[in-house]
Amino acid sequence: MHGSSSRRWSLELLHKEPRIEVRVCVGPVINRDVKPFALMAGVPARQIGWMSKFGEWAPLPLAGAGEYRCPHTGAVYRLHGDTLTCHG
């Protein structure tokens, strides 16, 4: 998604894997690959957090280890290093 920008409140972009979503804030310029479930903002865009598939902010650090359960879907998100995966 090099050079893309958005004027919407949020925009779902497809990652290399099907059904992986990324949330983008108003007006960022995406100039590199974006990790699944990343919340991106700024020019150039940088990761400022994580989002669930439901669109709920996941209170996890950008890197490290952690787990979050979405209160709306019950899906569990696990952070390993700088990669967030969804289980469920």
Foldseek 3Di string as FASTA:
>chain_A
DAQDWAQDQWDWDQAPDPPFTETEGGTETDHDGDAGQFYWYDHPIDGDAGADSVGHTFPDDQADWDWGADPVPRWIWIGHGRHIDIDD
